Amino acid sequence: MDAAVPQNVKPAEQEMYHDSFSVDGRDYNLTIPMSAYQAMKDVLGVSDSAAQTANDVPRVAMLLFVNYVDAATTMAESAGGGGGVESGWGRKKDDEDEE
């Protein structure tokens, strides 16, 4: 027995998350599914009451999610990430591993 499939049934509207911000002078208006945003926040461990700088973490994740790699890199670097350590900390050139 075949079940009748209604022809005029629309899929349920998905709740969306919207965010607008600037990175290096360029404006971004991102819209992603709320379920994707919530999953990012859960994985990143960011709460709704987090400080402003912590809000940059999910924004970088959203930029990566929508494949804006350059903007994500710029935002991460300007928020304290990226860049090299200039203090000389780390391996020395004469480490045994390089011989």
PDB file of N, CA and C in Angstrom:
ATOM      1  N   MET A   1       0.856  -1.169   0.000  1.00  0.00           N
ATOM      2  CA  MET A   1       0.000   0.000   0.000  1.00  0.00           C
ATOM      3  C   MET A   1       0.902   1.233   0.000  1.00  0.00           C
ATOM      4  N   ASP A   2       0.729   2.103  -0.961  1.00  0.00           N
ATOM      5  CA  ASP A   2       1.518   3.325  -1.083  1.00  0.00           C
ATOM      6  C   ASP A   2       0.883   4.437  -0.263  1.00  0.00           C
ATOM      7  N   ALA A   3       1.741   5.105   0.493  1.00  0.00           N
ATOM      8  CA  ALA A   3       1.260   6.246   1.277  1.00  0.00           C
ATOM      9  C   ALA A   3       1.225   7.472   0.384  1.00  0.00           C
ATOM     10  N   ALA A   4       0.189   8.246   0.504  1.00  0.00           N
ATOM     11  CA  ALA A   4       0.065   9.470  -0.283  1.00  0.00           C
ATOM     12  C   ALA A   4       1.003  10.532   0.282  1.00  0.00           C
ATOM     13  N   VAL A   5       1.736  11.171  -0.602  1.00  0.00           N
ATOM     14  CA  VAL A   5       2.651  12.231  -0.203  1.00  0.00           C
ATOM     15  C   VAL A   5       2.039  13.561  -0.600  1.00  0.00           C
ATOM     16  N   PRO A   6       1.773  14.423   0.381  1.00  0.00           N
ATOM     17  CA  PRO A   6       1.197  15.734   0.041  1.00  0.00           C
ATOM     18  C   PRO A   6       2.141  16.517  -0.873  1.00  0.00           C
ATOM     19  N   GLN A   7       1.609  17.133  -1.891  1.00  0.00           N
ATOM     20  CA  GLN A   7       2.404  17.859  -2.874  1.00  0.00           C
ATOM     21  C   GLN A   7       2.746  19.281  -2.451  1.00  0.00           C
ATOM     22  N   ASN A   8       1.959  19.899  -1.616  1.00  0.00           N
ATOM     23  CA  ASN A   8       2.145  21.305  -1.256  1.00  0.00           C
ATOM     24  C   ASN A   8       2.717  21.494   0.147  1.00  0.00           C
ATOM     25  N   VAL A   9       3.490  20.540   0.607  1.00  0.00           N
ATOM     26  CA  VAL A   9       4.057  20.639   1.953  1.00  0.00           C
ATOM     27  C   VAL A   9       5.430  21.312   1.857  1.00  0.00           C
ATOM     28  N   LYS A  10       5.592  22.400   2.605  1.00  0.00           N
ATOM     29  CA  LYS A  10       6.875  23.104   2.646  1.00  0.00           C
ATOM     30  C   LYS A  10       7.686  22.565   3.821  1.00  0.00           C
ATOM     31  N   PRO A  11       9.002  22.480   3.653  1.00  0.00           N
ATOM     32  CA  PRO A  11       9.817  22.061   4.803  1.00  0.00           C
ATOM     33  C   PRO A  11       9.735  23.113   5.914  1.00  0.00           C
ATOM     34  N   ALA A  12       9.940  22.671   7.122  1.00  0.00           N
ATOM     35  CA  ALA A  12       9.885  23.592   8.258  1.00  0.00           C
ATOM     36  C   ALA A  12      10.964  24.657   8.113  1.00  0.00           C
ATOM     37  N   GLU A  13      10.611  25.880   8.447  1.00  0.00           N
ATOM     38  CA  GLU A  13      11.577  26.981   8.393  1.00  0.00           C
ATOM     39  C   GLU A  13      12.664  26.729   9.428  1.00  0.00           C
ATOM     40  N   GLN A  14      13.904  26.875   9.011  1.00  0.00           N
ATOM     41  CA  GLN A  14      15.029  26.674   9.915  1.00  0.00           C
ATOM     42  C   GLN A  14      15.405  28.005  10.551  1.00  0.00           C
ATOM     43  N   GLU A  15      15.616  27.988  11.861  1.00  0.00           N
ATOM     44  CA  GLU A  15      16.025  29.197  12.563  1.00  0.00           C
ATOM     45  C   GLU A  15      17.459  29.537  12.146  1.00  0.00           C
ATOM     46  N   MET A  16      17.702  30.813  11.870  1.00  0.00           N
ATOM     47  CA  MET A  16      19.006  31.254  11.387  1.00  0.00           C
ATOM     48  C   MET A  16      19.652  32.208  12.393  1.00  0.00           C
ATOM     49  N   TYR A  17      20.976  32.197  12.422  1.00  0.00           N
ATOM     50  CA  TYR A  17      21.758  33.111  13.246  1.00  0.00           C
ATOM     51  C   TYR A  17      22.360  34.165  12.325  1.00  0.00           C
ATOM     52  N   HIS A  18      22.201  35.430  12.685  1.00  0.00           N
ATOM     53  CA  HIS A  18      22.721  36.545  11.899  1.00  0.00           C
ATOM     54  C   HIS A  18      23.755  37.307  12.718  1.00  0.00           C
ATOM     55  N   ASP A  19      24.838  37.702  12.077  1.00  0.00           N
ATOM     56  CA  ASP A  19      25.861  38.502  12.751  1.00  0.00           C
ATOM     57  C   ASP A  19      26.472  39.444  11.722  1.00  0.00           C
ATOM     58  N   SER A  20      26.730  40.660  12.142  1.00  0.00           N
ATOM     59  CA  SER A  20      27.369  41.668  11.293  1.00  0.00           C
ATOM     60  C   SER A  20      28.568  42.222  12.041  1.00  0.00           C
ATOM     61  N   PHE A  21      29.700  42.294  11.376  1.00  0.00           N
ATOM     62  CA  PHE A  21      30.907  42.826  11.985  1.00  0.00           C
ATOM     63  C   PHE A  21      31.888  43.202  10.892  1.00  0.00           C
ATOM     64  N   SER A  22      32.929  43.930  11.263  1.00  0.00           N
ATOM     65  CA  SER A  22      33.954  44.371  10.322  1.00  0.00           C
ATOM     66  C   SER A  22      35.272  43.685  10.642  1.00  0.00           C
ATOM     67  N   VAL A  23      35.994  43.343   9.580  1.00  0.00           N
ATOM     68  CA  VAL A  23      37.337  42.785   9.705  1.00  0.00           C
ATOM     69  C   VAL A  23      38.219  43.551   8.746  1.00  0.00           C
ATOM     70  N   ASP A  24      39.207  44.238   9.287  1.00  0.00           N
ATOM     71  CA  ASP A  24      40.172  44.965   8.466  1.00  0.00           C
ATOM     72  C   ASP A  24      39.486  45.922   7.494  1.00  0.00           C
ATOM     73  N   GLY A  25      38.447  46.612   7.984  1.00  0.00           N
ATOM     74  CA  GLY A  25      37.744  47.607   7.185  1.00  0.00           C
ATOM     75  C   GLY A  25      36.695  47.058   6.238  1.00  0.00           C
ATOM     76  N   ARG A  26      36.506  45.752   6.203  1.00  0.00           N
ATOM     77  CA  ARG A  26      35.496  45.155   5.326  1.00  0.00           C
ATOM     78  C   ARG A  26      34.347  44.634   6.181  1.00  0.00           C
ATOM     79  N   ASP A  27      33.113  44.931   5.775  1.00  0.00           N
ATOM     80  CA  ASP A  27      31.935  44.504   6.520  1.00  0.00           C
ATOM     81  C   ASP A  27      31.489  43.118   6.083  1.00  0.00           C
ATOM     82  N   TYR A  28      31.111  42.310   7.066  1.00  0.00           N
ATOM     83  CA  TYR A  28      30.608  40.961   6.820  1.00  0.00           C
ATOM     84  C   TYR A  28      29.244  40.833   7.474  1.00  0.00           C
ATOM     85  N   ASN A  29      28.283  40.335   6.717  1.00  0.00           N
ATOM     86  CA  ASN A  29      26.950  40.017   7.204  1.00  0.00           C
ATOM     87  C   ASN A  29      26.767  38.526   6.993  1.00  0.00           C
ATOM     88  N   LEU A  30      26.901  37.766   8.066  1.00  0.00           N
ATOM     89  CA  LEU A  30      26.844  36.320   7.960  1.00  0.00           C
ATOM     90  C   LEU A  30      25.512  35.796   8.466  1.00  0.00           C
ATOM     91  N   THR A  31      24.997  34.821   7.774  1.00  0.00           N
ATOM     92  CA  THR A  31      23.790  34.124   8.183  1.00  0.00           C
ATOM     93  C   THR A  31      24.069  32.639   8.042  1.00  0.00           C
ATOM     94  N   ILE A  32      23.973  31.933   9.159  1.00  0.00           N
ATOM     95  CA  ILE A  32      24.180  30.493   9.147  1.00  0.00           C
ATOM     96  C   ILE A  32      23.057  29.851   9.956  1.00  0.00           C
ATOM     97  N   PRO A  33      22.816  28.562   9.732  1.00  0.00           N
ATOM     98  CA  PRO A  33      21.778  27.893  10.531  1.00  0.00           C
ATOM     99  C   PRO A  33      22.094  27.984  12.025  1.00  0.00           C
ATOM    100  N   MET A  34      21.075  28.222  12.823  1.00  0.00           N
ATOM    101  CA  MET A  34      21.258  28.327  14.269  1.00  0.00           C
ATOM    102  C   MET A  34      21.876  27.050  14.820  1.00  0.00           C
ATOM    103  N   SER A  35      21.530  25.917  14.248  1.00  0.00           N
ATOM    104  CA  SER A  35      22.095  24.651  14.730  1.00  0.00           C
ATOM    105  C   SER A  35      23.609  24.615  14.503  1.00  0.00           C
ATOM    106  N   ALA A  36      24.097  25.173  13.387  1.00  0.00           N
ATOM    107  CA  ALA A  36      25.540  25.224  13.129  1.00  0.00           C
ATOM    108  C   ALA A  36      26.218  26.186  14.104  1.00  0.00           C
ATOM    109  N   TYR A  37      25.604  27.340  14.341  1.00  0.00           N
ATOM    110  CA  TYR A  37      26.170  28.308  15.283  1.00  0.00           C
ATOM    111  C   TYR A  37      26.235  27.717  16.685  1.00  0.00           C
ATOM    112  N   GLN A  38      25.156  27.068  17.109  1.00  0.00           N
ATOM    113  CA  GLN A  38      25.128  26.488  18.454  1.00  0.00           C
ATOM    114  C   GLN A  38      26.158  25.371  18.577  1.00  0.00           C
ATOM    115  N   ALA A  39      26.338  24.576  17.531  1.00  0.00           N
ATOM    116  CA  ALA A  39      27.345  23.513  17.563  1.00  0.00           C
ATOM    117  C   ALA A  39      28.743  24.102  17.697  1.00  0.00           C
ATOM    118  N   MET A  40      29.015  25.192  16.980  1.00  0.00           N
ATOM    119  CA  MET A  40      30.319  25.856  17.100  1.00  0.00           C
ATOM    120  C   MET A  40      30.537  26.358  18.520  1.00  0.00           C
ATOM    121  N   LYS A  41      29.526  27.019  19.087  1.00  0.00           N
ATOM    122  CA  LYS A  41      29.656  27.535  20.447  1.00  0.00           C
ATOM    123  C   LYS A  41      29.872  26.408  21.448  1.00  0.00           C
ATOM    124  N   ASP A  42      29.175  25.300  21.261  1.00  0.00           N
ATOM    125  CA  ASP A  42      29.317  24.174  22.177  1.00  0.00           C
ATOM    126  C   ASP A  42      30.721  23.584  22.104  1.00  0.00           C
ATOM    127  N   VAL A  43      31.222  23.409  20.899  1.00  0.00           N
ATOM    128  CA  VAL A  43      32.559  22.846  20.724  1.00  0.00           C
ATOM    129  C   VAL A  43      33.621  23.796  21.249  1.00  0.00           C
ATOM    130  N   LEU A  44      33.430  25.089  21.007  1.00  0.00           N
ATOM    131  CA  LEU A  44      34.409  26.088  21.438  1.00  0.00           C
ATOM    132  C   LEU A  44      34.297  26.419  22.917  1.00  0.00           C
ATOM    133  N   GLY A  45      33.193  26.044  23.542  1.00  0.00           N
ATOM    134  CA  GLY A  45      33.016  26.326  24.959  1.00  0.00           C
ATOM    135  C   GLY A  45      32.783  27.786  25.256  1.00  0.00           C
ATOM    136  N   VAL A  46      32.105  28.502  24.360  1.00  0.00           N
ATOM    137  CA  VAL A  46      31.834  29.932  24.534  1.00  0.00           C
ATOM    138  C   VAL A  46      30.414  30.099  25.045  1.00  0.00           C
ATOM    139  N   SER A  47      30.264  30.853  26.134  1.00  0.00           N
ATOM    140  CA  SER A  47      28.937  31.088  26.696  1.00  0.00           C
ATOM    141  C   SER A  47      28.357  32.382  26.143  1.00  0.00           C
ATOM    142  N   ASP A  48      27.051  32.543  26.324  1.00  0.00           N
ATOM    143  CA  ASP A  48      26.389  33.770  25.873  1.00  0.00           C
ATOM    144  C   ASP A  48      26.841  34.981  26.671  1.00  0.00           C
ATOM    145  N   SER A  49      27.348  34.790  27.883  1.00  0.00           N
ATOM    146  CA  SER A  49      27.775  35.903  28.716  1.00  0.00           C
ATOM    147  C   SER A  49      29.284  36.143  28.629  1.00  0.00           C
ATOM    148  N   ALA A  50      29.927  35.584  27.604  1.00  0.00           N
ATOM    149  CA  ALA A  50      31.378  35.714  27.460  1.00  0.00           C
ATOM    150  C   ALA A  50      31.755  37.150  27.132  1.00  0.00           C
ATOM    151  N   ALA A  51      33.000  37.483  27.425  1.00  0.00           N
ATOM    152  CA  ALA A  51      33.519  38.819  27.123  1.00  0.00           C
ATOM    153  C   ALA A  51      33.553  39.035  25.613  1.00  0.00           C
ATOM    154  N   GLN A  52      33.649  40.286  25.195  1.00  0.00           N
ATOM    155  CA  GLN A  52      33.635  40.627  23.767  1.00  0.00           C
ATOM    156  C   GLN A  52      34.724  39.911  22.988  1.00  0.00           C
ATOM    157  N   THR A  53      35.914  39.814  23.536  1.00  0.00           N
ATOM    158  CA  THR A  53      36.988  39.142  22.798  1.00  0.00           C
ATOM    159  C   THR A  53      36.673  37.673  22.583  1.00  0.00           C
ATOM    160  N   ALA A  54      35.952  37.063  23.509  1.00  0.00           N
ATOM    161  CA  ALA A  54      35.562  35.672  23.327  1.00  0.00           C
ATOM    162  C   ALA A  54      34.531  35.540  22.213  1.00  0.00           C
ATOM    163  N   ASN A  55      33.805  36.607  21.903  1.00  0.00           N
ATOM    164  CA  ASN A  55      32.849  36.566  20.797  1.00  0.00           C
ATOM    165  C   ASN A  55      33.562  36.454  19.460  1.00  0.00           C
ATOM    166  N   ASP A  56      34.824  36.860  19.411  1.00  0.00           N
ATOM    167  CA  ASP A  56      35.579  36.751  18.169  1.00  0.00           C
ATOM    168  C   ASP A  56      35.844  35.299  17.793  1.00  0.00           C
ATOM    169  N   VAL A  57      35.895  34.408  18.771  1.00  0.00           N
ATOM    170  CA  VAL A  57      36.174  33.001  18.481  1.00  0.00           C
ATOM    171  C   VAL A  57      35.078  32.403  17.608  1.00  0.00           C
ATOM    172  N   PRO A  58      33.788  32.518  17.984  1.00  0.00           N
ATOM    173  CA  PRO A  58      32.773  31.979  17.078  1.00  0.00           C
ATOM    174  C   PRO A  58      32.695  32.741  15.756  1.00  0.00           C
ATOM    175  N   ARG A  59      33.050  34.018  15.767  1.00  0.00           N
ATOM    176  CA  ARG A  59      33.048  34.766  14.499  1.00  0.00           C
ATOM    177  C   ARG A  59      34.115  34.221  13.554  1.00  0.00           C
ATOM    178  N   VAL A  60      35.288  33.917  14.085  1.00  0.00           N
ATOM    179  CA  VAL A  60      36.336  33.312  13.257  1.00  0.00           C
ATOM    180  C   VAL A  60      35.853  31.956  12.746  1.00  0.00           C
ATOM    181  N   ALA A  61      35.205  31.185  13.611  1.00  0.00           N
ATOM    182  CA  ALA A  61      34.678  29.881  13.201  1.00  0.00           C
ATOM    183  C   ALA A  61      33.634  30.045  12.100  1.00  0.00           C
ATOM    184  N   MET A  62      32.763  31.054  12.229  1.00  0.00           N
ATOM    185  CA  MET A  62      31.747  31.290  11.189  1.00  0.00           C
ATOM    186  C   MET A  62      32.401  31.696   9.878  1.00  0.00           C
ATOM    187  N   LEU A  63      33.410  32.559   9.941  1.00  0.00           N
ATOM    188  CA  LEU A  63      34.108  32.956   8.713  1.00  0.00           C
ATOM    189  C   LEU A  63      34.726  31.744   8.033  1.00  0.00           C
ATOM    190  N   LEU A  64      35.296  30.850   8.819  1.00  0.00           N
ATOM    191  CA  LEU A  64      35.857  29.632   8.239  1.00  0.00           C
ATOM    192  C   LEU A  64      34.752  28.740   7.676  1.00  0.00           C
ATOM    193  N   PHE A  65      33.613  28.675   8.367  1.00  0.00           N
ATOM    194  CA  PHE A  65      32.476  27.863   7.946  1.00  0.00           C
ATOM    195  C   PHE A  65      31.985  28.276   6.557  1.00  0.00           C
ATOM    196  N   VAL A  66      31.998  29.580   6.290  1.00  0.00           N
ATOM    197  CA  VAL A  66      31.526  30.075   4.986  1.00  0.00           C
ATOM    198  C   VAL A  66      32.692  30.335   4.028  1.00  0.00           C
ATOM    199  N   ASN A  67      33.876  29.826   4.383  1.00  0.00           N
ATOM    200  CA  ASN A  67      35.067  29.830   3.523  1.00  0.00           C
ATOM    201  C   ASN A  67      35.662  31.215   3.289  1.00  0.00           C
ATOM    202  N   TYR A  68      35.560  32.110   4.276  1.00  0.00           N
ATOM    203  CA  TYR A  68      36.249  33.396   4.228  1.00  0.00           C
ATOM    204  C   TYR A  68      37.553  33.253   5.013  1.00  0.00           C
ATOM    205  N   VAL A  69      38.488  32.487   4.476  1.00  0.00           N
ATOM    206  CA  VAL A  69      39.719  32.141   5.182  1.00  0.00           C
ATOM    207  C   VAL A  69      40.574  33.370   5.456  1.00  0.00           C
ATOM    208  N   ASP A  70      40.723  34.261   4.481  1.00  0.00           N
ATOM    209  CA  ASP A  70      41.542  35.461   4.686  1.00  0.00           C
ATOM    210  C   ASP A  70      40.994  36.328   5.811  1.00  0.00           C
ATOM    211  N   ALA A  71      39.674  36.523   5.833  1.00  0.00           N
ATOM    212  CA  ALA A  71      39.064  37.338   6.885  1.00  0.00           C
ATOM    213  C   ALA A  71      39.216  36.659   8.239  1.00  0.00           C
ATOM    214  N   ALA A  72      39.055  35.340   8.284  1.00  0.00           N
ATOM    215  CA  ALA A  72      39.216  34.610   9.548  1.00  0.00           C
ATOM    216  C   ALA A  72      40.638  34.729  10.059  1.00  0.00           C
ATOM    217  N   THR A  73      41.603  34.627   9.151  1.00  0.00           N
ATOM    218  CA  THR A  73      43.015  34.743   9.540  1.00  0.00           C
ATOM    219  C   THR A  73      43.307  36.142  10.062  1.00  0.00           C
ATOM    220  N   THR A  74      42.815  37.155   9.363  1.00  0.00           N
ATOM    221  CA  THR A  74      43.024  38.539   9.785  1.00  0.00           C
ATOM    222  C   THR A  74      42.410  38.782  11.152  1.00  0.00           C
ATOM    223  N   MET A  75      41.183  38.296  11.366  1.00  0.00           N
ATOM    224  CA  MET A  75      40.512  38.499  12.649  1.00  0.00           C
ATOM    225  C   MET A  75      41.260  37.771  13.764  1.00  0.00           C
ATOM    226  N   ALA A  76      41.713  36.560  13.503  1.00  0.00           N
ATOM    227  CA  ALA A  76      42.433  35.797  14.524  1.00  0.00           C
ATOM    228  C   ALA A  76      43.749  36.483  14.887  1.00  0.00           C
ATOM    229  N   GLU A  77      44.449  36.995  13.895  1.00  0.00           N
ATOM    230  CA  GLU A  77      45.719  37.677  14.164  1.00  0.00           C
ATOM    231  C   GLU A  77      45.499  38.964  14.957  1.00  0.00           C
ATOM    232  N   SER A  78      44.457  39.706  14.626  1.00  0.00           N
ATOM    233  CA  SER A  78      44.219  40.972  15.313  1.00  0.00           C
ATOM    234  C   SER A  78      43.677  40.767  16.721  1.00  0.00           C
ATOM    235  N   ALA A  79      43.182  39.573  17.016  1.00  0.00           N
ATOM    236  CA  ALA A  79      42.648  39.279  18.347  1.00  0.00           C
ATOM    237  C   ALA A  79      43.679  38.603  19.231  1.00  0.00           C
ATOM    238  N   GLY A  80      44.939  38.648  18.816  1.00  0.00           N
ATOM    239  CA  GLY A  80      46.001  38.108  19.646  1.00  0.00           C
ATOM    240  C   GLY A  80      46.553  36.789  19.171  1.00  0.00           C
ATOM    241  N   GLY A  81      45.928  36.184  18.170  1.00  0.00           N
ATOM    242  CA  GLY A  81      46.430  34.914  17.666  1.00  0.00           C
ATOM    243  C   GLY A  81      47.383  35.142  16.519  1.00  0.00           C
ATOM    244  N   GLY A  82      48.032  34.107  16.098  1.00  0.00           N
ATOM    245  CA  GLY A  82      48.915  34.177  14.934  1.00  0.00           C
ATOM    246  C   GLY A  82      50.181  34.946  15.223  1.00  0.00           C
ATOM    247  N   GLY A  83      51.006  35.075  14.227  1.00  0.00           N
ATOM    248  CA  GLY A  83      52.264  35.791  14.396  1.00  0.00           C
ATOM    249  C   GLY A  83      53.311  34.932  15.071  1.00  0.00           C
ATOM    250  N   GLY A  84      54.529  35.263  14.873  1.00  0.00           N
ATOM    251  CA  GLY A  84      55.611  34.488  15.457  1.00  0.00           C
ATOM    252  C   GLY A  84      56.121  35.118  16.736  1.00  0.00           C
ATOM    253  N   VAL A  85      56.791  34.321  17.515  1.00  0.00           N
ATOM    254  CA  VAL A  85      57.389  34.799  18.751  1.00  0.00           C
ATOM    255  C   VAL A  85      58.764  35.344  18.428  1.00  0.00           C
ATOM    256  N   GLU A  86      59.026  36.575  18.796  1.00  0.00           N
ATOM    257  CA  GLU A  86      60.292  37.209  18.460  1.00  0.00           C
ATOM    258  C   GLU A  86      61.293  37.172  19.604  1.00  0.00           C
ATOM    259  N   SER A  87      60.969  36.501  20.687  1.00  0.00           N
ATOM    260  CA  SER A  87      61.844  36.492  21.856  1.00  0.00           C
ATOM    261  C   SER A  87      62.959  35.472  21.750  1.00  0.00           C
ATOM    262  N   GLY A  88      62.989  34.677  20.691  1.00  0.00           N
ATOM    263  CA  GLY A  88      63.992  33.645  20.562  1.00  0.00           C
ATOM    264  C   GLY A  88      63.593  32.356  21.259  1.00  0.00           C
ATOM    265  N   TRP A  89      62.378  32.301  21.800  1.00  0.00           N
ATOM    266  CA  TRP A  89      61.899  31.119  22.486  1.00  0.00           C
ATOM    267  C   TRP A  89      61.699  29.996  21.474  1.00  0.00           C
ATOM    268  N   GLY A  90      61.944  28.794  21.878  1.00  0.00           N
ATOM    269  CA  GLY A  90      61.729  27.642  21.012  1.00  0.00           C
ATOM    270  C   GLY A  90      63.026  26.932  20.719  1.00  0.00           C
ATOM    271  N   ARG A  91      63.060  26.244  19.614  1.00  0.00           N
ATOM    272  CA  ARG A  91      64.243  25.478  19.238  1.00  0.00           C
ATOM    273  C   ARG A  91      65.411  26.377  18.873  1.00  0.00           C
ATOM    274  N   LYS A  92      66.577  25.869  19.123  1.00  0.00           N
ATOM    275  CA  LYS A  92      67.797  26.536  18.687  1.00  0.00           C
ATOM    276  C   LYS A  92      68.218  25.910  17.369  1.00  0.00           C
ATOM    277  N   LYS A  93      68.935  26.650  16.575  1.00  0.00           N
ATOM    278  CA  LYS A  93      69.349  26.150  15.261  1.00  0.00           C
ATOM    279  C   LYS A  93      70.235  24.907  15.374  1.00  0.00           C
ATOM    280  N   ASP A  94      70.921  24.748  16.485  1.00  0.00           N
ATOM    281  CA  ASP A  94      71.834  23.625  16.594  1.00  0.00           C
ATOM    282  C   ASP A  94      71.196  22.416  17.305  1.00  0.00           C
ATOM    283  N   ASP A  95      69.839  22.352  17.317  1.00  0.00           N
ATOM    284  CA  ASP A  95      69.178  21.201  17.907  1.00  0.00           C
ATOM    285  C   ASP A  95      69.581  19.922  17.177  1.00  0.00           C
ATOM    286  N   GLU A  96      69.661  18.821  17.908  1.00  0.00           N
ATOM    287  CA  GLU A  96      70.081  17.555  17.345  1.00  0.00           C
ATOM    288  C   GLU A  96      69.119  17.054  16.264  1.00  0.00           C
ATOM    289  N   ASP A  97      67.813  17.410  16.357  1.00  0.00           N
ATOM    290  CA  ASP A  97      66.823  16.926  15.405  1.00  0.00           C
ATOM    291  C   ASP A  97      67.143  17.344  13.980  1.00  0.00           C
ATOM    292  N   GLU A  98      67.799  18.450  13.807  1.00  0.00           N
ATOM    293  CA  GLU A  98      68.039  18.964  12.470  1.00  0.00           C
ATOM    294  C   GLU A  98      69.311  18.409  11.839  1.00  0.00           C
ATOM    295  N   GLU A  99      70.100  17.665  12.594  1.00  0.00           N
ATOM    296  CA  GLU A  99      71.347  17.137  12.055  1.00  0.00           C
ATOM    297  C   GLU A  99      71.110  15.953  11.163  1.00  0.00           C
TER     298      GLU A  99
END
